[in-house]
Amino acid sequence: MASSSQGPVSTTASTCTAETARGRHTFVVAGYSLHRGLGAGKFIRSATFYVGGQGWSVRCYPDGHTGKESNQDFVCAYLELMAGTGAAEVRAVYDLRLVDQLTGESKVLFHPAAPRAFSGESPA
């Protein structure tokens, strides 16, 4: 029998951890009914807020975004990565909620199943 001269086995491991940050922003649209009638495609924007070193805002379209929606029944809202924040692309997991000011109850309007990529361009 030949003897084995291979020596000990080198074992290595590595880990890749995504950089994460958590935040919450509340955008109150005071006098919401007064914003109705702006017209489809016209929006109001929250103040810029910062999470993870990036500037974000919420765009709210009281009469819908594209004009295909019925002005009476639809409001659109988008999370927007503000231009000039320094990153070519940022991935985020988020949800948008509508809160009833009388009851305080919230309803999730949008929650993606996977992280969404943002590039600092206006939402489509």
Protein backbone atom coordinates (compact mmCIF):
# COMPACT_ATOMS: atom_id res chain seq x y z
CA MET A 1 0.00 0.00 0.00
CA ALA A 2 1.12 3.47 -0.84
CA SER A 3 1.01 6.08 1.91
CA SER A 4 -0.91 9.34 1.45
CA SER A 5 1.25 12.45 1.48
CA GLN A 6 -1.43 15.04 0.75
CA GLY A 7 -1.36 16.78 4.14
CA PRO A 8 -4.18 18.62 5.94
CA VAL A 9 -7.14 20.08 4.05
CA SER A 10 -7.46 23.86 4.13
CA THR A 11 -11.06 24.97 4.87
CA THR A 12 -12.22 28.52 4.20
CA ALA A 13 -15.52 30.43 4.29
CA SER A 14 -16.75 33.89 3.43
CA THR A 15 -19.92 35.90 3.91
CA CYS A 16 -21.52 38.64 1.82
CA THR A 17 -23.80 40.87 3.86
CA ALA A 18 -25.93 43.54 2.23
CA GLU A 19 -25.68 46.99 3.78
CA THR A 20 -29.07 47.82 5.20
CA ALA A 21 -30.77 50.81 6.81
CA ARG A 22 -34.26 51.22 8.19
CA GLY A 23 -36.41 54.31 8.28
CA ARG A 24 -39.95 55.60 8.34
CA HIS A 25 -41.36 58.79 6.84
CA THR A 26 -44.85 60.17 7.33
CA PHE A 27 -46.15 62.45 4.57
CA VAL A 28 -49.32 64.22 5.67
CA VAL A 29 -51.35 65.80 2.87
CA ALA A 30 -53.22 68.49 4.80
CA GLY A 31 -56.46 69.50 3.11
CA TYR A 32 -56.32 66.52 0.77
CA SER A 33 -59.67 67.35 -0.83
CA LEU A 34 -58.28 70.74 -1.90
CA HIS A 35 -55.56 68.93 -3.89
CA ARG A 36 -58.14 66.95 -5.88
CA GLY A 37 -58.69 68.42 -9.32
CA LEU A 38 -55.01 69.17 -10.03
CA GLY A 39 -55.34 66.92 -13.05
CA ALA A 40 -53.98 63.51 -13.95
CA GLY A 41 -50.19 63.44 -13.99
CA LYS A 42 -49.81 66.41 -11.64
CA PHE A 43 -48.28 65.59 -8.27
CA ILE A 44 -47.44 66.91 -4.85
CA ARG A 45 -44.13 65.86 -3.28
CA SER A 46 -43.09 65.29 0.31
CA ALA A 47 -40.04 66.95 1.77
CA THR A 48 -36.82 65.05 1.05
CA PHE A 49 -35.97 62.60 3.82
CA TYR A 50 -32.81 60.53 4.28
CA VAL A 51 -32.45 56.80 4.89
CA GLY A 52 -29.22 54.88 4.33
CA GLY A 53 -27.42 58.05 3.24
CA GLN A 54 -29.82 58.51 0.30
CA GLY A 55 -32.39 61.25 -0.27
CA TRP A 56 -35.95 60.06 -0.87
CA SER A 57 -39.36 61.64 -1.38
CA VAL A 58 -42.94 60.52 -1.86
CA ARG A 59 -44.83 61.67 -4.94
CA CYS A 60 -48.61 61.74 -4.63
CA TYR A 61 -50.89 62.12 -7.65
CA PRO A 62 -54.34 63.02 -6.23
CA ASP A 63 -56.03 62.52 -9.63
CA GLY A 64 -54.00 59.56 -10.84
CA HIS A 65 -50.72 59.35 -12.70
CA THR A 66 -51.51 58.61 -16.34
CA GLY A 67 -55.00 59.86 -17.00
CA LYS A 68 -56.24 56.31 -17.60
CA GLU A 69 -57.60 56.12 -14.06
CA SER A 70 -60.95 57.62 -13.09
CA ASN A 71 -60.21 60.90 -11.33
CA GLN A 72 -62.88 60.09 -8.77
CA ASP A 73 -61.51 56.74 -7.69
CA PHE A 74 -57.72 56.66 -7.90
CA VAL A 75 -54.80 58.25 -6.15
CA CYS A 76 -51.26 57.19 -7.03
CA ALA A 77 -48.19 57.37 -4.82
CA TYR A 78 -44.56 56.54 -5.56
CA LEU A 79 -41.33 56.38 -3.62
CA GLU A 80 -38.67 58.40 -5.43
CA LEU A 81 -34.88 58.34 -5.07
CA MET A 82 -33.87 61.96 -5.42
CA ALA A 83 -31.39 62.75 -8.21
CA GLY A 84 -27.85 63.67 -7.23
CA THR A 85 -27.70 61.40 -4.19
CA GLY A 86 -24.41 59.91 -5.33
CA ALA A 87 -25.45 56.33 -6.04
CA ALA A 88 -25.96 54.97 -9.54
CA GLU A 89 -28.49 52.44 -8.27
CA VAL A 90 -30.04 51.74 -4.89
CA ARG A 91 -32.20 48.76 -3.97
CA ALA A 92 -34.96 49.17 -1.41
CA VAL A 93 -37.73 47.18 0.21
CA TYR A 94 -40.55 49.46 1.31
CA ASP A 95 -44.26 49.82 1.63
CA LEU A 96 -46.62 52.72 1.09
CA ARG A 97 -49.57 53.08 3.42
CA LEU A 98 -52.64 55.27 3.48
CA VAL A 99 -53.68 56.33 6.99
CA ASP A 100 -57.23 57.38 7.83
CA GLN A 101 -56.74 60.59 9.81
CA LEU A 102 -60.00 60.04 11.73
CA THR A 103 -59.41 56.46 12.87
CA GLY A 104 -55.62 56.16 12.62
CA GLU A 105 -56.03 52.88 10.74
CA SER A 106 -53.56 52.26 7.93
CA LYS A 107 -53.94 50.31 4.72
CA VAL A 108 -50.97 49.02 2.73
CA LEU A 109 -51.18 50.42 -0.79
CA PHE A 110 -47.98 48.88 -2.11
CA HIS A 111 -45.44 46.38 -0.83
CA PRO A 112 -43.16 44.74 -3.41
CA ALA A 113 -42.31 41.06 -2.96
CA ALA A 114 -38.62 41.74 -3.67
CA PRO A 115 -36.27 44.72 -3.43
CA ARG A 116 -36.85 47.35 -6.12
CA ALA A 117 -33.98 49.08 -7.92
CA PHE A 118 -34.03 52.90 -7.98
CA SER A 119 -31.81 55.03 -10.18
CA GLY A 120 -32.74 58.57 -9.21
CA GLU A 121 -34.94 59.01 -12.28
CA SER A 122 -38.58 60.04 -12.09
CA PRO A 123 -41.04 57.16 -11.70
CA ALA A 124 -42.62 55.93 -14.92
